[in-house]
């Protein structure tokens, strides 16, 4: 089912996403650069996501001519669905797009230009701002400026010595402090543009995204593999997008913990075990020993929190990690030949 002849493919994976889809799709069909193929994969939605996409394409025949909608019978997870999309397209550049993201009209054009300029780059992201979406009051006329005030969602991924991975700039108000393009450790999975050739070089067992992760932290795992493969990632402020990140909260530690408590149980399990899977697969043993105090404080604190407040999550996460540990170790060994850099070369990215 591979689609040819398009330099760019946009991969949109949906799951019960009908609230955002009309606006996400409208932003796509307004892009200044239109030489892209759109592949929408619906992951077993129980709402009207798939019919909504079909009706939108029917109403926009120019976009429909270079689009395809595929419906999975069940939710296969973010990783497997995007691997499907990568297998079914054949473009030079790949834009992964969350349905809860609105793109500015030049977003795609600017990011393609950035990758064309930085030949060693595997990925680039624009400036993601928070979109506090209210489905009862939001209208299409607001698409040009959906966020006021401009609060930053992500300008790339940063990683601490504790190995906690954060969105750079998250919760800051945009006052022009991120107006210069620069390298970042990696890019958020909300709206990144990748160079397909480098994705294939960083794949393992035919998977670009690790399907053992199911959902969550796949972007971090891929960012780490690409870095070890000798490729860079960039932030481009001229490309602006808006992200409705309603599962997260800013503010004090207490507020963040309260927000995380509202997450679905499985998402918490995936978040914790996948984070550890990223380290097992990609980090250097000496790097881990070197930063062990920071890592232990962070991980033991997290384990204690779950053990006391959500013992079911703690038990499920431990069982899942033990089950996946042998597979993670095999993948670590298989990834070794793809590495052009030693793990020690990444230490400069581990901030205090």
C-alpha atoms as a PDB file:
ATOM      1  CA  UNK A   1       0.000   0.000   0.000  1.00  0.00           C
ATOM      2  CA  UNK A   2       3.047   2.252  -0.227  1.00  0.00           C
ATOM      3  CA  UNK A   3       2.264   5.770  -1.486  1.00  0.00           C
ATOM      4  CA  UNK A   4       4.909   7.252  -3.819  1.00  0.00           C
ATOM      5  CA  UNK A   5       5.826  10.555  -5.485  1.00  0.00           C
ATOM      6  CA  UNK A   6       5.277  12.848  -2.498  1.00  0.00           C
ATOM      7  CA  UNK A   7       8.316  14.497  -0.856  1.00  0.00           C
ATOM      8  CA  UNK A   8       6.434  14.810   2.445  1.00  0.00           C
ATOM      9  CA  UNK A   9       3.991  12.552   4.230  1.00  0.00           C
ATOM     10  CA  UNK A  10       1.867  13.597   7.192  1.00  0.00           C
ATOM     11  CA  UNK A  11       0.986  10.785   9.594  1.00  0.00           C
ATOM     12  CA  UNK A  12      -2.015  11.468  11.801  1.00  0.00           C
ATOM     13  CA  UNK A  13      -2.948   8.755  14.312  1.00  0.00           C
ATOM     14  CA  UNK A  14      -6.342   9.188  15.953  1.00  0.00           C
ATOM     15  CA  UNK A  15      -8.101   7.562  18.877  1.00  0.00           C
ATOM     16  CA  UNK A  16     -11.363   9.092  20.081  1.00  0.00           C
ATOM     17  CA  UNK A  17     -10.105  12.410  18.714  1.00  0.00           C
ATOM     18  CA  UNK A  18     -13.276  13.913  17.265  1.00  0.00           C
ATOM     19  CA  UNK A  19     -13.116  17.058  19.441  1.00  0.00           C
ATOM     20  CA  UNK A  20      -9.913  18.272  17.780  1.00  0.00           C
ATOM     21  CA  UNK A  21     -10.000  16.734  14.297  1.00  0.00           C
ATOM     22  CA  UNK A  22     -12.017  19.427  12.445  1.00  0.00           C
ATOM     23  CA  UNK A  23      -9.476  22.066  13.457  1.00  0.00           C
ATOM     24  CA  UNK A  24      -6.393  19.874  12.984  1.00  0.00           C
ATOM     25  CA  UNK A  25      -7.501  18.884   9.468  1.00  0.00           C
ATOM     26  CA  UNK A  26      -8.455  22.441   8.570  1.00  0.00           C
ATOM     27  CA  UNK A  27      -4.948  23.592   9.493  1.00  0.00           C
ATOM     28  CA  UNK A  28      -3.470  20.911   7.239  1.00  0.00           C
ATOM     29  CA  UNK A  29      -5.477  21.928   4.222  1.00  0.00           C
ATOM     30  CA  UNK A  30      -4.400  25.561   4.803  1.00  0.00           C
ATOM     31  CA  UNK A  31      -0.655  24.792   4.699  1.00  0.00           C
ATOM     32  CA  UNK A  32       1.347  26.978   2.307  1.00  0.00           C
ATOM     33  CA  UNK A  33       3.206  23.849   1.195  1.00  0.00           C
ATOM     34  CA  UNK A  34       0.735  21.334  -0.213  1.00  0.00           C
ATOM     35  CA  UNK A  35       3.012  18.681  -1.750  1.00  0.00           C
ATOM     36  CA  UNK A  36       2.334  16.204   1.036  1.00  0.00           C
ATOM     37  CA  UNK A  37       0.464  12.933   1.320  1.00  0.00           C
ATOM     38  CA  UNK A  38      -1.846  12.616   4.326  1.00  0.00           C
ATOM     39  CA  UNK A  39      -2.230   9.219   5.961  1.00  0.00           C
ATOM     40  CA  UNK A  40      -4.764   9.037   8.787  1.00  0.00           C
ATOM     41  CA  UNK A  41      -4.770   5.881  10.897  1.00  0.00           C
ATOM     42  CA  UNK A  42      -7.692   5.549  13.278  1.00  0.00           C
ATOM     43  CA  UNK A  43      -6.807   3.334  16.224  1.00  0.00           C
ATOM     44  CA  UNK A  44     -10.149   1.712  16.976  1.00  0.00           C
ATOM     45  CA  UNK A  45     -11.976   4.897  17.996  1.00  0.00           C
ATOM     46  CA  UNK A  46     -15.307   4.498  19.729  1.00  0.00           C
ATOM     47  CA  UNK A  47     -16.444   8.015  18.817  1.00  0.00           C
ATOM     48  CA  UNK A  48     -17.024   9.363  15.303  1.00  0.00           C
ATOM     49  CA  UNK A  49     -13.357  10.131  14.537  1.00  0.00           C
ATOM     50  CA  UNK A  50     -13.165   7.969  11.412  1.00  0.00           C
ATOM     51  CA  UNK A  51     -16.460   9.189   9.855  1.00  0.00           C
ATOM     52  CA  UNK A  52     -15.454  12.760  10.666  1.00  0.00           C
ATOM     53  CA  UNK A  53     -12.167  12.344   8.759  1.00  0.00           C
ATOM     54  CA  UNK A  54     -13.977  10.697   5.838  1.00  0.00           C
ATOM     55  CA  UNK A  55     -16.528  13.511   5.655  1.00  0.00           C
ATOM     56  CA  UNK A  56     -13.848  16.189   5.866  1.00  0.00           C
ATOM     57  CA  UNK A  57     -11.920  14.638   2.980  1.00  0.00           C
ATOM     58  CA  UNK A  58     -15.112  14.314   0.964  1.00  0.00           C
ATOM     59  CA  UNK A  59     -15.703  18.044   1.433  1.00  0.00           C
ATOM     60  CA  UNK A  60     -12.104  18.861   0.409  1.00  0.00           C
ATOM     61  CA  UNK A  61     -11.444  16.861  -2.784  1.00  0.00           C
ATOM     62  CA  UNK A  62      -8.034  18.419  -3.443  1.00  0.00           C
ATOM     63  CA  UNK A  63      -6.779  17.065  -0.120  1.00  0.00           C
ATOM     64  CA  UNK A  64      -8.688  13.804  -0.532  1.00  0.00           C
ATOM     65  CA  UNK A  65      -6.803  13.046  -3.769  1.00  0.00           C
ATOM     66  CA  UNK A  66      -3.588  12.719  -1.766  1.00  0.00           C
ATOM     67  CA  UNK A  67      -4.981  11.222   1.420  1.00  0.00           C
ATOM     68  CA  UNK A  68      -5.884   7.824   2.781  1.00  0.00           C
ATOM     69  CA  UNK A  69      -7.845   6.800   5.850  1.00  0.00           C
ATOM     70  CA  UNK A  70      -7.066   3.432   7.450  1.00  0.00           C
ATOM     71  CA  UNK A  71      -9.102   2.074  10.364  1.00  0.00           C
ATOM     72  CA  UNK A  72      -7.541  -0.374  12.797  1.00  0.00           C
ATOM     73  CA  UNK A  73     -10.096  -2.558  14.524  1.00  0.00           C
ATOM     74  CA  UNK A  74      -8.525  -1.897  17.918  1.00  0.00           C
ATOM     75  CA  UNK A  75      -6.149   0.542  19.566  1.00  0.00           C
ATOM     76  CA  UNK A  76      -2.700  -0.712  18.591  1.00  0.00           C
ATOM     77  CA  UNK A  77      -0.933   2.098  20.422  1.00  0.00           C
ATOM     78  CA  UNK A  78       1.021   5.099  19.196  1.00  0.00           C
ATOM     79  CA  UNK A  79       4.206   3.193  18.321  1.00  0.00           C
ATOM     80  CA  UNK A  80       2.703   0.423  16.206  1.00  0.00           C
ATOM     81  CA  UNK A  81       0.299   2.736  14.364  1.00  0.00           C
ATOM     82  CA  UNK A  82       3.101   5.108  13.395  1.00  0.00           C
ATOM     83  CA  UNK A  83       5.243   2.168  12.283  1.00  0.00           C
ATOM     84  CA  UNK A  84       2.333   1.168  10.048  1.00  0.00           C
ATOM     85  CA  UNK A  85       2.266   4.666   8.594  1.00  0.00           C
ATOM     86  CA  UNK A  86       6.008   4.644   7.946  1.00  0.00           C
ATOM     87  CA  UNK A  87       5.705   1.299   6.148  1.00  0.00           C
ATOM     88  CA  UNK A  88       2.856   2.582   3.961  1.00  0.00           C
ATOM     89  CA  UNK A  89       4.506   5.806   2.815  1.00  0.00           C
ATOM     90  CA  UNK A  90       7.684   6.525   0.912  1.00  0.00           C
ATOM     91  CA  UNK A  91       8.517  10.195   1.390  1.00  0.00           C
ATOM     92  CA  UNK A  92      11.782  11.998   2.069  1.00  0.00           C
ATOM     93  CA  UNK A  93      10.300  13.837   5.048  1.00  0.00           C
ATOM     94  CA  UNK A  94       7.744  12.624   7.597  1.00  0.00           C
ATOM     95  CA  UNK A  95       5.589  14.857   9.795  1.00  0.00           C
ATOM     96  CA  UNK A  96       4.068  13.120  12.824  1.00  0.00           C
ATOM     97  CA  UNK A  97       0.999  14.999  13.959  1.00  0.00           C
ATOM     98  CA  UNK A  98      -1.129  14.643  17.061  1.00  0.00           C
ATOM     99  CA  UNK A  99      -4.827  15.385  16.456  1.00  0.00           C
ATOM    100  CA  UNK A 100      -4.807  17.904  19.329  1.00  0.00           C
ATOM    101  CA  UNK A 101      -2.309  20.145  17.509  1.00  0.00           C
ATOM    102  CA  UNK A 102      -3.011  23.167  15.308  1.00  0.00           C
ATOM    103  CA  UNK A 103      -0.343  24.112  12.769  1.00  0.00           C
ATOM    104  CA  UNK A 104       0.371  27.640  11.592  1.00  0.00           C
ATOM    105  CA  UNK A 105       0.061  27.937   7.810  1.00  0.00           C
ATOM    106  CA  UNK A 106       3.830  27.894   7.160  1.00  0.00           C
ATOM    107  CA  UNK A 107       4.696  25.199   9.719  1.00  0.00           C
ATOM    108  CA  UNK A 108       5.424  22.436   7.246  1.00  0.00           C
ATOM    109  CA  UNK A 109       7.289  24.681   4.794  1.00  0.00           C
ATOM    110  CA  UNK A 110       9.591  26.126   7.457  1.00  0.00           C
ATOM    111  CA  UNK A 111      10.476  22.737   8.963  1.00  0.00           C
ATOM    112  CA  UNK A 112      11.246  21.196   5.571  1.00  0.00           C
ATOM    113  CA  UNK A 113      13.509  24.153   4.826  1.00  0.00           C
ATOM    114  CA  UNK A 114      15.274  23.607   8.155  1.00  0.00           C
ATOM    115  CA  UNK A 115      16.023  19.930   7.453  1.00  0.00           C
ATOM    116  CA  UNK A 116      17.136  20.788   3.920  1.00  0.00           C
ATOM    117  CA  UNK A 117      19.597  23.284   5.430  1.00  0.00           C
ATOM    118  CA  UNK A 118      20.938  21.069   8.227  1.00  0.00           C
ATOM    119  CA  UNK A 119      22.010  17.942   6.358  1.00  0.00           C
ATOM    120  CA  UNK A 120      23.106  16.103   9.520  1.00  0.00           C
ATOM    121  CA  UNK A 121      19.739  16.688  11.187  1.00  0.00           C
ATOM    122  CA  UNK A 122      17.283  13.844  11.625  1.00  0.00           C
ATOM    123  CA  UNK A 123      14.503  15.846  13.266  1.00  0.00           C
ATOM    124  CA  UNK A 124      13.195  19.364  13.750  1.00  0.00           C
ATOM    125  CA  UNK A 125      10.378  20.883  15.755  1.00  0.00           C
ATOM    126  CA  UNK A 126       8.720  24.246  15.728  1.00  0.00           C
ATOM    127  CA  UNK A 127       7.684  26.397  18.672  1.00  0.00           C
ATOM    128  CA  UNK A 128       4.783  24.615  20.354  1.00  0.00           C
ATOM    129  CA  UNK A 129       2.490  26.881  22.383  1.00  0.00           C
ATOM    130  CA  UNK A 130      -0.243  25.824  24.770  1.00  0.00           C
ATOM    131  CA  UNK A 131      -3.743  25.652  23.332  1.00  0.00           C
ATOM    132  CA  UNK A 132      -6.280  25.763  26.150  1.00  0.00           C
ATOM    133  CA  UNK A 133      -9.016  24.212  24.054  1.00  0.00           C
ATOM    134  CA  UNK A 134     -12.640  24.702  25.069  1.00  0.00           C
ATOM    135  CA  UNK A 135     -14.808  22.694  22.644  1.00  0.00           C
ATOM    136  CA  UNK A 136     -17.909  24.639  23.654  1.00  0.00           C
ATOM    137  CA  UNK A 137     -16.557  28.013  22.552  1.00  0.00           C
ATOM    138  CA  UNK A 138     -13.735  27.446  20.040  1.00  0.00           C
ATOM    139  CA  UNK A 139     -14.474  28.325  16.399  1.00  0.00           C
ATOM    140  CA  UNK A 140     -12.624  28.052  13.110  1.00  0.00           C
ATOM    141  CA  UNK A 141     -12.119  31.833  13.005  1.00  0.00           C
ATOM    142  CA  UNK A 142      -9.761  31.492  15.964  1.00  0.00           C
ATOM    143  CA  UNK A 143      -7.321  29.236  14.118  1.00  0.00           C
ATOM    144  CA  UNK A 144      -4.852  32.037  13.363  1.00  0.00           C
ATOM    145  CA  UNK A 145      -4.263  32.891  17.031  1.00  0.00           C
ATOM    146  CA  UNK A 146      -5.743  30.200  19.286  1.00  0.00           C
ATOM    147  CA  UNK A 147      -3.446  30.869  22.260  1.00  0.00           C
ATOM    148  CA  UNK A 148      -3.593  33.983  24.415  1.00  0.00           C
ATOM    149  CA  UNK A 149      -1.473  34.563  26.402  1.00  0.00           C
ATOM    150  CA  UNK A 150       1.295  32.707  24.572  1.00  0.00           C
ATOM    151  CA  UNK A 151       2.441  30.042  27.021  1.00  0.00           C
ATOM    152  CA  UNK A 152       5.099  27.658  25.758  1.00  0.00           C
ATOM    153  CA  UNK A 153       4.388  23.945  25.512  1.00  0.00           C
ATOM    154  CA  UNK A 154       7.713  22.770  24.086  1.00  0.00           C
ATOM    155  CA  UNK A 155      10.709  24.065  22.175  1.00  0.00           C
ATOM    156  CA  UNK A 156      12.434  20.680  22.225  1.00  0.00           C
ATOM    157  CA  UNK A 157      13.369  18.015  24.740  1.00  0.00           C
ATOM    158  CA  UNK A 158      15.945  18.449  27.498  1.00  0.00           C
ATOM    159  CA  UNK A 159      17.294  15.766  29.808  1.00  0.00           C
ATOM    160  CA  UNK A 160      18.486  16.120  33.394  1.00  0.00           C
ATOM    161  CA  UNK A 161      21.230  14.224  35.210  1.00  0.00           C
ATOM    162  CA  UNK A 162      18.410  12.348  36.958  1.00  0.00           C
ATOM    163  CA  UNK A 163      17.419  11.279  33.413  1.00  0.00           C
ATOM    164  CA  UNK A 164      14.076  13.036  33.773  1.00  0.00           C
ATOM    165  CA  UNK A 165      13.157  14.215  30.282  1.00  0.00           C
ATOM    166  CA  UNK A 166      11.279  17.513  30.079  1.00  0.00           C
ATOM    167  CA  UNK A 167       9.885  19.819  27.433  1.00  0.00           C
ATOM    168  CA  UNK A 168      12.211  22.791  27.246  1.00  0.00           C
ATOM    169  CA  UNK A 169      10.445  26.071  27.980  1.00  0.00           C
ATOM    170  CA  UNK A 170       7.327  24.330  29.243  1.00  0.00           C
ATOM    171  CA  UNK A 171       4.944  26.694  31.098  1.00  0.00           C
ATOM    172  CA  UNK A 172       7.089  29.771  30.366  1.00  0.00           C
ATOM    173  CA  UNK A 173       5.384  32.721  28.710  1.00  0.00           C
ATOM    174  CA  UNK A 174       6.730  33.466  25.264  1.00  0.00           C
ATOM    175  CA  UNK A 175       8.569  36.781  25.541  1.00  0.00           C
ATOM    176  CA  UNK A 176      10.963  36.217  22.657  1.00  0.00           C
ATOM    177  CA  UNK A 177      13.468  34.187  24.681  1.00  0.00           C
ATOM    178  CA  UNK A 178      13.435  31.333  22.137  1.00  0.00           C
ATOM    179  CA  UNK A 179      13.694  33.218  18.849  1.00  0.00           C
ATOM    180  CA  UNK A 180      17.000  31.767  17.657  1.00  0.00           C
ATOM    181  CA  UNK A 181      17.158  28.334  15.950  1.00  0.00           C
ATOM    182  CA  UNK A 182      19.358  25.942  17.898  1.00  0.00           C
ATOM    183  CA  UNK A 183      20.142  22.296  18.486  1.00  0.00           C
ATOM    184  CA  UNK A 184      18.131  20.360  21.062  1.00  0.00           C
ATOM    185  CA  UNK A 185      18.589  16.874  22.507  1.00  0.00           C
ATOM    186  CA  UNK A 186      15.420  15.710  20.760  1.00  0.00           C
ATOM    187  CA  UNK A 187      11.951  16.766  19.698  1.00  0.00           C
ATOM    188  CA  UNK A 188       8.499  16.257  21.172  1.00  0.00           C
ATOM    189  CA  UNK A 189       6.289  13.705  19.427  1.00  0.00           C
ATOM    190  CA  UNK A 190       3.407  16.190  19.079  1.00  0.00           C
ATOM    191  CA  UNK A 191       4.410  17.692  15.714  1.00  0.00           C
ATOM    192  CA  UNK A 192       7.979  16.735  14.684  1.00  0.00           C
ATOM    193  CA  UNK A 193       9.362  16.520  11.171  1.00  0.00           C
ATOM    194  CA  UNK A 194      11.814  13.669  10.542  1.00  0.00           C
ATOM    195  CA  UNK A 195      14.159  12.761   7.719  1.00  0.00           C
ATOM    196  CA  UNK A 196      13.071   9.240   6.760  1.00  0.00           C
ATOM    197  CA  UNK A 197      16.540   7.962   5.818  1.00  0.00           C
ATOM    198  CA  UNK A 198      17.900   8.636   9.306  1.00  0.00           C
ATOM    199  CA  UNK A 199      14.851   7.037  10.932  1.00  0.00           C
ATOM    200  CA  UNK A 200      15.568   3.844   9.049  1.00  0.00           C
ATOM    201  CA  UNK A 201      19.200   3.877  10.174  1.00  0.00           C
ATOM    202  CA  UNK A 202      18.116   4.150  13.815  1.00  0.00           C
ATOM    203  CA  UNK A 203      15.473   1.415  13.607  1.00  0.00           C
ATOM    204  CA  UNK A 204      15.854  -1.940  15.347  1.00  0.00           C
ATOM    205  CA  UNK A 205      14.204  -5.187  14.283  1.00  0.00           C
ATOM    206  CA  UNK A 206      12.387  -3.195  11.593  1.00  0.00           C
ATOM    207  CA  UNK A 207      10.764  -0.863  14.137  1.00  0.00           C
ATOM    208  CA  UNK A 208      11.356   2.880  14.127  1.00  0.00           C
ATOM    209  CA  UNK A 209       9.202   3.289  17.225  1.00  0.00           C
ATOM    210  CA  UNK A 210       9.592   0.565  19.834  1.00  0.00           C
ATOM    211  CA  UNK A 211       6.282  -1.310  19.837  1.00  0.00           C
ATOM    212  CA  UNK A 212       6.989  -2.719  23.284  1.00  0.00           C
ATOM    213  CA  UNK A 213       6.413   0.827  24.533  1.00  0.00           C
ATOM    214  CA  UNK A 214       2.825   0.787  23.159  1.00  0.00           C
ATOM    215  CA  UNK A 215       2.304   4.478  23.957  1.00  0.00           C
ATOM    216  CA  UNK A 216       4.356   7.120  25.780  1.00  0.00           C
ATOM    217  CA  UNK A 217       8.089   7.984  25.728  1.00  0.00           C
ATOM    218  CA  UNK A 218       8.545   6.689  22.154  1.00  0.00           C
ATOM    219  CA  UNK A 219       9.749  10.145  21.099  1.00  0.00           C
ATOM    220  CA  UNK A 220      12.377  10.146  23.874  1.00  0.00           C
ATOM    221  CA  UNK A 221      13.618   6.680  22.937  1.00  0.00           C
ATOM    222  CA  UNK A 222      13.897   7.659  19.275  1.00  0.00           C
ATOM    223  CA  UNK A 223      15.628  10.947  20.128  1.00  0.00           C
ATOM    224  CA  UNK A 224      18.265   9.061  22.116  1.00  0.00           C
ATOM    225  CA  UNK A 225      18.861   6.528  19.348  1.00  0.00           C
ATOM    226  CA  UNK A 226      19.199   9.259  16.735  1.00  0.00           C
ATOM    227  CA  UNK A 227      21.709  11.129  18.908  1.00  0.00           C
ATOM    228  CA  UNK A 228      23.813   7.985  19.367  1.00  0.00           C
ATOM    229  CA  UNK A 229      23.559   7.470  15.610  1.00  0.00           C
ATOM    230  CA  UNK A 230      25.385  10.761  15.106  1.00  0.00           C
ATOM    231  CA  UNK A 231      22.378  12.789  13.981  1.00  0.00           C
ATOM    232  CA  UNK A 232      21.209  16.122  15.345  1.00  0.00           C
ATOM    233  CA  UNK A 233      17.842  17.616  16.228  1.00  0.00           C
ATOM    234  CA  UNK A 234      16.858  21.245  15.787  1.00  0.00           C
ATOM    235  CA  UNK A 235      14.373  23.808  17.050  1.00  0.00           C
ATOM    236  CA  UNK A 236      12.971  26.307  14.522  1.00  0.00           C
ATOM    237  CA  UNK A 237      11.036  29.234  16.086  1.00  0.00           C
ATOM    238  CA  UNK A 238       9.554  30.502  12.803  1.00  0.00           C
ATOM    239  CA  UNK A 239       7.270  27.435  12.709  1.00  0.00           C
ATOM    240  CA  UNK A 240       4.551  27.808  15.335  1.00  0.00           C
ATOM    241  CA  UNK A 241       1.966  25.240  16.444  1.00  0.00           C
ATOM    242  CA  UNK A 242      -0.531  25.002  19.287  1.00  0.00           C
ATOM    243  CA  UNK A 243      -0.939  21.921  21.483  1.00  0.00           C
ATOM    244  CA  UNK A 244      -3.812  21.074  23.815  1.00  0.00           C
ATOM    245  CA  UNK A 245      -1.910  19.264  26.558  1.00  0.00           C
ATOM    246  CA  UNK A 246      -4.789  18.804  28.972  1.00  0.00           C
ATOM    247  CA  UNK A 247      -3.253  15.819  30.782  1.00  0.00           C
ATOM    248  CA  UNK A 248      -0.412  17.936  32.131  1.00  0.00           C
ATOM    249  CA  UNK A 249      -0.324  20.668  34.728  1.00  0.00           C
ATOM    250  CA  UNK A 250       2.154  23.361  35.645  1.00  0.00           C
ATOM    251  CA  UNK A 251       2.888  24.916  38.977  1.00  0.00           C
ATOM    252  CA  UNK A 252       4.000  23.323  42.225  1.00  0.00           C
ATOM    253  CA  UNK A 253       5.011  19.695  42.715  1.00  0.00           C
ATOM    254  CA  UNK A 254       1.682  19.132  44.455  1.00  0.00           C
ATOM    255  CA  UNK A 255      -0.245  20.484  41.458  1.00  0.00           C
ATOM    256  CA  UNK A 256       1.733  18.310  39.055  1.00  0.00           C
ATOM    257  CA  UNK A 257       1.131  15.216  41.178  1.00  0.00           C
ATOM    258  CA  UNK A 258      -2.580  16.001  41.340  1.00  0.00           C
ATOM    259  CA  UNK A 259      -2.689  16.302  37.558  1.00  0.00           C
ATOM    260  CA  UNK A 260      -0.848  13.010  37.101  1.00  0.00           C
ATOM    261  CA  UNK A 261      -3.238  11.294  39.505  1.00  0.00           C
ATOM    262  CA  UNK A 262      -6.011  11.899  36.961  1.00  0.00           C
ATOM    263  CA  UNK A 263      -4.161   9.976  34.237  1.00  0.00           C
ATOM    264  CA  UNK A 264      -5.556   6.570  33.186  1.00  0.00           C
ATOM    265  CA  UNK A 265      -3.851   3.799  35.186  1.00  0.00           C
ATOM    266  CA  UNK A 266      -2.223   2.154  32.173  1.00  0.00           C
ATOM    267  CA  UNK A 267      -0.740   5.459  31.043  1.00  0.00           C
ATOM    268  CA  UNK A 268       1.035   5.784  34.399  1.00  0.00           C
ATOM    269  CA  UNK A 269       2.348   2.240  34.066  1.00  0.00           C
ATOM    270  CA  UNK A 270       3.601   2.896  30.525  1.00  0.00           C
ATOM    271  CA  UNK A 271       5.148   6.221  31.533  1.00  0.00           C
ATOM    272  CA  UNK A 272       7.245   4.712  34.311  1.00  0.00           C
ATOM    273  CA  UNK A 273       8.313   1.451  32.665  1.00  0.00           C
ATOM    274  CA  UNK A 274       8.961   3.038  29.270  1.00  0.00           C
ATOM    275  CA  UNK A 275      11.173   5.680  30.871  1.00  0.00           C
ATOM    276  CA  UNK A 276      13.269   2.925  32.458  1.00  0.00           C
ATOM    277  CA  UNK A 277      13.236   1.060  29.148  1.00  0.00           C
ATOM    278  CA  UNK A 278      14.754   4.109  27.447  1.00  0.00           C
ATOM    279  CA  UNK A 279      17.651   4.080  29.912  1.00  0.00           C
ATOM    280  CA  UNK A 280      18.199   0.323  29.697  1.00  0.00           C
ATOM    281  CA  UNK A 281      18.313   0.401  25.907  1.00  0.00           C
ATOM    282  CA  UNK A 282      20.308   3.574  25.330  1.00  0.00           C
ATOM    283  CA  UNK A 283      22.282   4.929  28.279  1.00  0.00           C
ATOM    284  CA  UNK A 284      25.892   3.993  28.908  1.00  0.00           C
ATOM    285  CA  UNK A 285      26.624   1.927  32.001  1.00  0.00           C
ATOM    286  CA  UNK A 286      29.371   4.305  33.102  1.00  0.00           C
ATOM    287  CA  UNK A 287      27.053   7.268  32.524  1.00  0.00           C
ATOM    288  CA  UNK A 288      24.491   5.629  34.808  1.00  0.00           C
ATOM    289  CA  UNK A 289      27.098   4.981  37.513  1.00  0.00           C
ATOM    290  CA  UNK A 290      28.397   8.544  37.223  1.00  0.00           C
ATOM    291  CA  UNK A 291      24.953  10.066  37.750  1.00  0.00           C
ATOM    292  CA  UNK A 292      23.612   7.356  40.074  1.00  0.00           C
ATOM    293  CA  UNK A 293      22.851   9.686  43.020  1.00  0.00           C
ATOM    294  CA  UNK A 294      20.590  11.908  40.902  1.00  0.00           C
ATOM    295  CA  UNK A 295      18.943   8.908  39.233  1.00  0.00           C
ATOM    296  CA  UNK A 296      18.307   7.056  42.494  1.00  0.00           C
ATOM    297  CA  UNK A 297      16.767  10.093  44.186  1.00  0.00           C
ATOM    298  CA  UNK A 298      14.394  10.576  41.281  1.00  0.00           C
ATOM    299  CA  UNK A 299      13.479   6.923  40.669  1.00  0.00           C
ATOM    300  CA  UNK A 300      13.209   5.843  44.303  1.00  0.00           C
ATOM    301  CA  UNK A 301      11.070   8.875  45.020  1.00  0.00           C
ATOM    302  CA  UNK A 302       8.783   7.953  42.149  1.00  0.00           C
ATOM    303  CA  UNK A 303       8.614   4.315  43.266  1.00  0.00           C
ATOM    304  CA  UNK A 304       7.810   5.306  46.851  1.00  0.00           C
ATOM    305  CA  UNK A 305       5.075   7.665  45.676  1.00  0.00           C
ATOM    306  CA  UNK A 306       3.369   4.961  43.617  1.00  0.00           C
ATOM    307  CA  UNK A 307       3.872   2.313  46.320  1.00  0.00           C
ATOM    308  CA  UNK A 308       2.087   4.483  48.895  1.00  0.00           C
ATOM    309  CA  UNK A 309      -0.568   6.230  46.791  1.00  0.00           C
ATOM    310  CA  UNK A 310      -1.230   3.779  43.942  1.00  0.00           C
ATOM    311  CA  UNK A 311       0.026   0.281  44.815  1.00  0.00           C
ATOM    312  CA  UNK A 312      -1.779  -1.243  41.810  1.00  0.00           C
ATOM    313  CA  UNK A 313       0.220   0.997  39.460  1.00  0.00           C
ATOM    314  CA  UNK A 314       3.418   0.102  41.330  1.00  0.00           C
ATOM    315  CA  UNK A 315       2.788  -3.652  41.048  1.00  0.00           C
ATOM    316  CA  UNK A 316       1.732  -3.517  37.391  1.00  0.00           C
ATOM    317  CA  UNK A 317       4.771  -1.420  36.504  1.00  0.00           C
ATOM    318  CA  UNK A 318       7.194  -3.782  38.259  1.00  0.00           C
ATOM    319  CA  UNK A 319       5.647  -6.844  36.579  1.00  0.00           C
ATOM    320  CA  UNK A 320       5.696  -5.150  33.170  1.00  0.00           C
ATOM    321  CA  UNK A 321       9.320  -4.050  33.556  1.00  0.00           C
ATOM    322  CA  UNK A 322      10.466  -7.535  34.581  1.00  0.00           C
ATOM    323  CA  UNK A 323       8.614  -9.008  31.622  1.00  0.00           C
ATOM    324  CA  UNK A 324      10.151  -6.567  29.144  1.00  0.00           C
ATOM    325  CA  UNK A 325      13.659  -6.449  30.631  1.00  0.00           C
ATOM    326  CA  UNK A 326      15.050  -9.344  28.532  1.00  0.00           C
ATOM    327  CA  UNK A 327      13.644  -7.758  25.364  1.00  0.00           C
ATOM    328  CA  UNK A 328      15.135  -4.373  26.253  1.00  0.00           C
ATOM    329  CA  UNK A 329      18.535  -6.000  26.784  1.00  0.00           C
ATOM    330  CA  UNK A 330      18.345  -7.737  23.391  1.00  0.00           C
ATOM    331  CA  UNK A 331      17.487  -4.432  21.729  1.00  0.00           C
ATOM    332  CA  UNK A 332      20.375  -2.728  23.506  1.00  0.00           C
ATOM    333  CA  UNK A 333      22.725  -5.280  21.948  1.00  0.00           C
ATOM    334  CA  UNK A 334      21.120  -4.950  18.503  1.00  0.00           C
ATOM    335  CA  UNK A 335      21.370  -1.152  18.617  1.00  0.00           C
ATOM    336  CA  UNK A 336      25.112  -1.177  19.314  1.00  0.00           C
ATOM    337  CA  UNK A 337      26.169  -1.485  15.623  1.00  0.00           C
ATOM    338  CA  UNK A 338      24.020   1.555  14.723  1.00  0.00           C
ATOM    339  CA  UNK A 339      25.887   3.837  17.124  1.00  0.00           C
ATOM    340  CA  UNK A 340      28.393   6.299  15.734  1.00  0.00           C
ATOM    341  CA  UNK A 341      28.894   8.053  19.067  1.00  0.00           C
ATOM    342  CA  UNK A 342      29.891   6.670  22.441  1.00  0.00           C
ATOM    343  CA  UNK A 343      27.345   7.170  25.243  1.00  0.00           C
ATOM    344  CA  UNK A 344      29.860   9.456  26.960  1.00  0.00           C
ATOM    345  CA  UNK A 345      29.459  11.902  24.066  1.00  0.00           C
ATOM    346  CA  UNK A 346      25.923  12.654  25.272  1.00  0.00           C
ATOM    347  CA  UNK A 347      26.946  13.793  28.768  1.00  0.00           C
ATOM    348  CA  UNK A 348      26.869  17.439  27.767  1.00  0.00           C
ATOM    349  CA  UNK A 349      23.087  17.096  27.323  1.00  0.00           C
ATOM    350  CA  UNK A 350      22.520  15.883  30.900  1.00  0.00           C
ATOM    351  CA  UNK A 351      21.815  19.130  32.737  1.00  0.00           C
ATOM    352  CA  UNK A 352      21.773  19.613  36.495  1.00  0.00           C
END
